[in-house]
Amino acid sequence: MTKYLNITETGQKLVEWSEQMTDEPIIITKEGQPIMVALNYAQIESWLETLDILQDKEFAEILSEAIQQDQSGQRIAWEDAKKQLGW
């Protein structure tokens, strides 16, 4: 679950976070409004990799079509997929 901390708490917790950063982002607020997000390095690395992949328009179109097919129930069995791929 995402954590919310005000900016004062953030300064106090920064050293602790570097040792205990969770897999969830931490939302940093000022006067109750979100102003920053703290992420561990693995999270940001994963997000950047995903963004890089999705910038490939051809891949993004294929992925979108595959998601639509899945959502509409257009699926094939794993064994059939392997046969089609020649595996």
N, C-alpha and C. Protein backbone atom coordinates (compact mmCIF):
# COMPACT_ATOMS: atom_id res chain seq x y z
N MET A 1 0.83 -1.17 0.00
CA MET A 1 0.00 0.00 0.00
C MET A 1 0.88 1.25 0.00
N THR A 2 0.49 2.22 -0.76
CA THR A 2 1.24 3.46 -0.86
C THR A 2 1.22 4.20 0.47
N LYS A 3 2.36 4.73 0.86
CA LYS A 3 2.47 5.52 2.09
C LYS A 3 2.40 6.99 1.75
N TYR A 4 1.85 7.78 2.66
CA TYR A 4 1.83 9.23 2.54
C TYR A 4 2.57 9.82 3.73
N LEU A 5 3.51 10.71 3.46
CA LEU A 5 4.25 11.41 4.51
C LEU A 5 4.31 12.89 4.17
N ASN A 6 4.21 13.74 5.19
CA ASN A 6 4.37 15.16 4.88
C ASN A 6 5.86 15.47 4.74
N ILE A 7 6.16 16.63 4.21
CA ILE A 7 7.55 16.96 3.87
C ILE A 7 8.46 16.99 5.10
N THR A 8 7.94 17.36 6.26
CA THR A 8 8.74 17.36 7.48
C THR A 8 9.13 15.94 7.86
N GLU A 9 8.16 15.02 7.83
CA GLU A 9 8.44 13.62 8.13
C GLU A 9 9.44 13.04 7.13
N THR A 10 9.39 13.50 5.91
CA THR A 10 10.25 12.99 4.86
C THR A 10 11.72 13.21 5.21
N GLY A 11 12.04 14.41 5.62
CA GLY A 11 13.42 14.71 5.99
C GLY A 11 13.90 13.83 7.13
N GLN A 12 13.03 13.57 8.07
CA GLN A 12 13.39 12.74 9.21
C GLN A 12 13.56 11.27 8.82
N LYS A 13 12.85 10.83 7.79
CA LYS A 13 12.83 9.41 7.42
C LYS A 13 13.80 9.05 6.29
N LEU A 14 14.42 10.02 5.64
CA LEU A 14 15.22 9.77 4.46
C LEU A 14 16.32 8.72 4.68
N VAL A 15 17.06 8.82 5.75
CA VAL A 15 18.13 7.86 6.01
C VAL A 15 17.53 6.47 6.24
N GLU A 16 16.44 6.40 6.98
CA GLU A 16 15.78 5.12 7.25
C GLU A 16 15.30 4.49 5.94
N TRP A 17 14.76 5.27 5.04
CA TRP A 17 14.25 4.74 3.77
C TRP A 17 15.34 4.09 2.95
N SER A 18 16.51 4.68 2.95
CA SER A 18 17.58 4.13 2.13
C SER A 18 17.91 2.71 2.54
N GLU A 19 17.60 2.34 3.75
CA GLU A 19 17.87 1.00 4.24
C GLU A 19 16.63 0.10 4.17
N GLN A 20 15.43 0.68 4.13
CA GLN A 20 14.22 -0.11 4.24
C GLN A 20 13.20 0.18 3.15
N MET A 21 13.60 0.70 2.02
CA MET A 21 12.64 1.07 0.97
C MET A 21 11.82 -0.14 0.58
N THR A 22 10.52 0.04 0.56
CA THR A 22 9.62 -1.06 0.22
C THR A 22 9.40 -1.11 -1.28
N ASP A 23 8.56 -2.04 -1.71
CA ASP A 23 8.23 -2.15 -3.12
C ASP A 23 7.13 -1.18 -3.52
N GLU A 24 6.61 -0.44 -2.56
CA GLU A 24 5.54 0.51 -2.84
C GLU A 24 6.10 1.93 -2.85
N PRO A 25 5.57 2.77 -3.73
CA PRO A 25 6.01 4.16 -3.72
C PRO A 25 5.56 4.86 -2.44
N ILE A 26 6.29 5.89 -2.08
CA ILE A 26 5.91 6.73 -0.94
C ILE A 26 5.57 8.10 -1.49
N ILE A 27 4.36 8.56 -1.22
CA ILE A 27 3.89 9.87 -1.68
C ILE A 27 4.26 10.89 -0.61
N ILE A 28 4.95 11.94 -1.01
CA ILE A 28 5.36 12.99 -0.09
C ILE A 28 4.44 14.18 -0.31
N THR A 29 3.87 14.67 0.80
CA THR A 29 2.90 15.76 0.70
C THR A 29 3.41 17.02 1.38
N LYS A 30 2.84 18.13 0.95
CA LYS A 30 3.09 19.43 1.59
C LYS A 30 1.72 20.08 1.74
N GLU A 31 1.38 20.39 2.98
CA GLU A 31 0.06 20.95 3.28
C GLU A 31 -1.05 20.07 2.73
N GLY A 32 -0.84 18.76 2.83
CA GLY A 32 -1.85 17.79 2.43
C GLY A 32 -1.93 17.48 0.95
N GLN A 33 -1.11 18.13 0.13
CA GLN A 33 -1.14 17.92 -1.31
C GLN A 33 0.10 17.14 -1.76
N PRO A 34 -0.07 16.10 -2.59
CA PRO A 34 1.08 15.35 -3.09
C PRO A 34 2.02 16.25 -3.89
N ILE A 35 3.33 16.17 -3.58
CA ILE A 35 4.30 16.98 -4.32
C ILE A 35 5.45 16.16 -4.89
N MET A 36 5.72 14.97 -4.31
CA MET A 36 6.82 14.13 -4.77
C MET A 36 6.49 12.67 -4.53
N VAL A 37 7.28 11.81 -5.18
CA VAL A 37 7.16 10.37 -4.97
C VAL A 37 8.56 9.81 -4.75
N ALA A 38 8.70 8.96 -3.74
CA ALA A 38 9.96 8.27 -3.49
C ALA A 38 9.80 6.83 -3.94
N LEU A 39 10.73 6.37 -4.77
CA LEU A 39 10.73 5.00 -5.27
C LEU A 39 12.08 4.38 -5.01
N ASN A 40 12.10 3.05 -4.79
CA ASN A 40 13.41 2.43 -4.69
C ASN A 40 13.96 2.27 -6.11
N TYR A 41 15.25 2.03 -6.20
CA TYR A 41 15.91 1.99 -7.51
C TYR A 41 15.33 0.90 -8.41
N ALA A 42 15.02 -0.26 -7.85
CA ALA A 42 14.47 -1.36 -8.65
C ALA A 42 13.13 -0.97 -9.27
N GLN A 43 12.31 -0.23 -8.52
CA GLN A 43 11.02 0.22 -9.06
C GLN A 43 11.21 1.14 -10.26
N ILE A 44 12.03 2.14 -10.10
CA ILE A 44 12.20 3.11 -11.19
C ILE A 44 12.86 2.45 -12.39
N GLU A 45 13.79 1.54 -12.14
CA GLU A 45 14.44 0.83 -13.24
C GLU A 45 13.40 0.01 -14.02
N SER A 46 12.51 -0.65 -13.31
CA SER A 46 11.45 -1.44 -13.94
C SER A 46 10.50 -0.55 -14.73
N TRP A 47 10.11 0.57 -14.15
CA TRP A 47 9.19 1.49 -14.85
C TRP A 47 9.84 2.05 -16.10
N LEU A 48 11.11 2.41 -16.02
CA LEU A 48 11.80 2.96 -17.20
C LEU A 48 11.92 1.91 -18.30
N GLU A 49 12.18 0.67 -17.92
CA GLU A 49 12.26 -0.41 -18.90
C GLU A 49 10.90 -0.60 -19.58
N THR A 50 9.83 -0.56 -18.79
CA THR A 50 8.49 -0.69 -19.36
C THR A 50 8.19 0.46 -20.31
N LEU A 51 8.52 1.68 -19.92
CA LEU A 51 8.30 2.83 -20.80
C LEU A 51 9.09 2.70 -22.10
N ASP A 52 10.31 2.21 -21.99
CA ASP A 52 11.14 2.01 -23.17
C ASP A 52 10.50 1.02 -24.13
N ILE A 53 10.01 -0.08 -23.58
CA ILE A 53 9.36 -1.11 -24.40
C ILE A 53 8.10 -0.54 -25.06
N LEU A 54 7.31 0.20 -24.29
CA LEU A 54 6.04 0.72 -24.82
C LEU A 54 6.23 1.85 -25.83
N GLN A 55 7.43 2.42 -25.90
CA GLN A 55 7.69 3.45 -26.91
C GLN A 55 7.82 2.85 -28.30
N ASP A 56 7.98 1.54 -28.39
CA ASP A 56 8.01 0.84 -29.67
C ASP A 56 6.57 0.73 -30.16
N LYS A 57 6.19 1.57 -31.12
CA LYS A 57 4.80 1.64 -31.56
C LYS A 57 4.28 0.29 -32.06
N GLU A 58 5.08 -0.42 -32.83
CA GLU A 58 4.64 -1.70 -33.36
C GLU A 58 4.36 -2.68 -32.22
N PHE A 59 5.27 -2.74 -31.25
CA PHE A 59 5.06 -3.63 -30.11
C PHE A 59 3.83 -3.21 -29.31
N ALA A 60 3.67 -1.90 -29.08
CA ALA A 60 2.53 -1.40 -28.30
C ALA A 60 1.21 -1.77 -28.98
N GLU A 61 1.16 -1.70 -30.30
CA GLU A 61 -0.05 -2.07 -31.03
C GLU A 61 -0.33 -3.57 -30.90
N ILE A 62 0.71 -4.39 -31.03
CA ILE A 62 0.55 -5.84 -30.88
C ILE A 62 0.09 -6.17 -29.47
N LEU A 63 0.69 -5.54 -28.48
CA LEU A 63 0.31 -5.78 -27.09
C LEU A 63 -1.13 -5.37 -26.84
N SER A 64 -1.53 -4.21 -27.35
CA SER A 64 -2.90 -3.73 -27.18
C SER A 64 -3.90 -4.70 -27.81
N GLU A 65 -3.58 -5.17 -29.00
CA GLU A 65 -4.45 -6.13 -29.68
C GLU A 65 -4.54 -7.43 -28.88
N ALA A 66 -3.42 -7.89 -28.36
CA ALA A 66 -3.41 -9.13 -27.57
C ALA A 66 -4.24 -8.98 -26.31
N ILE A 67 -4.15 -7.83 -25.67
CA ILE A 67 -4.95 -7.59 -24.45
C ILE A 67 -6.43 -7.59 -24.80
N GLN A 68 -6.80 -6.94 -25.89
CA GLN A 68 -8.20 -6.92 -26.32
C GLN A 68 -8.69 -8.34 -26.62
N GLN A 69 -7.87 -9.13 -27.30
CA GLN A 69 -8.25 -10.51 -27.61
C GLN A 69 -8.45 -11.31 -26.32
N ASP A 70 -7.55 -11.14 -25.37
CA ASP A 70 -7.67 -11.85 -24.10
C ASP A 70 -8.95 -11.45 -23.37
N GLN A 71 -9.22 -10.15 -23.33
CA GLN A 71 -10.40 -9.66 -22.63
C GLN A 71 -11.70 -10.13 -23.28
N SER A 72 -11.66 -10.38 -24.57
CA SER A 72 -12.86 -10.85 -25.26
C SER A 72 -12.94 -12.38 -25.29
N GLY A 73 -11.97 -13.04 -24.63
CA GLY A 73 -12.00 -14.49 -24.54
C GLY A 73 -11.37 -15.21 -25.71
N GLN A 74 -10.70 -14.49 -26.59
CA GLN A 74 -10.04 -15.10 -27.75
C GLN A 74 -8.67 -15.63 -27.32
N ARG A 75 -8.68 -16.84 -26.81
CA ARG A 75 -7.45 -17.45 -26.31
C ARG A 75 -7.26 -18.82 -26.95
N ILE A 76 -6.02 -19.29 -26.93
CA ILE A 76 -5.74 -20.66 -27.37
C ILE A 76 -4.97 -21.37 -26.26
N ALA A 77 -5.06 -22.66 -26.26
CA ALA A 77 -4.36 -23.45 -25.25
C ALA A 77 -2.85 -23.34 -25.45
N TRP A 78 -2.10 -23.45 -24.37
CA TRP A 78 -0.64 -23.35 -24.42
C TRP A 78 -0.05 -24.38 -25.37
N GLU A 79 -0.57 -25.59 -25.34
CA GLU A 79 -0.07 -26.64 -26.23
C GLU A 79 -0.29 -26.26 -27.70
N ASP A 80 -1.44 -25.68 -28.02
CA ASP A 80 -1.71 -25.24 -29.39
C ASP A 80 -0.79 -24.10 -29.78
N ALA A 81 -0.52 -23.19 -28.87
CA ALA A 81 0.38 -22.07 -29.15
C ALA A 81 1.78 -22.58 -29.47
N LYS A 82 2.24 -23.55 -28.68
CA LYS A 82 3.58 -24.12 -28.95
C LYS A 82 3.64 -24.78 -30.31
N LYS A 83 2.56 -25.46 -30.70
CA LYS A 83 2.54 -26.10 -32.01
C LYS A 83 2.61 -25.04 -33.11
N GLN A 84 1.83 -23.95 -32.96
CA GLN A 84 1.85 -22.88 -33.96
C GLN A 84 3.23 -22.24 -34.08
N LEU A 85 3.95 -22.19 -32.98
CA LEU A 85 5.29 -21.60 -32.98
C LEU A 85 6.37 -22.59 -33.38
N GLY A 86 5.98 -23.84 -33.55
CA GLY A 86 6.95 -24.86 -33.93
C GLY A 86 7.84 -25.30 -32.80
N TRP A 87 7.34 -25.22 -31.58
CA TRP A 87 8.13 -25.60 -30.41
C TRP A 87 7.86 -27.02 -30.10
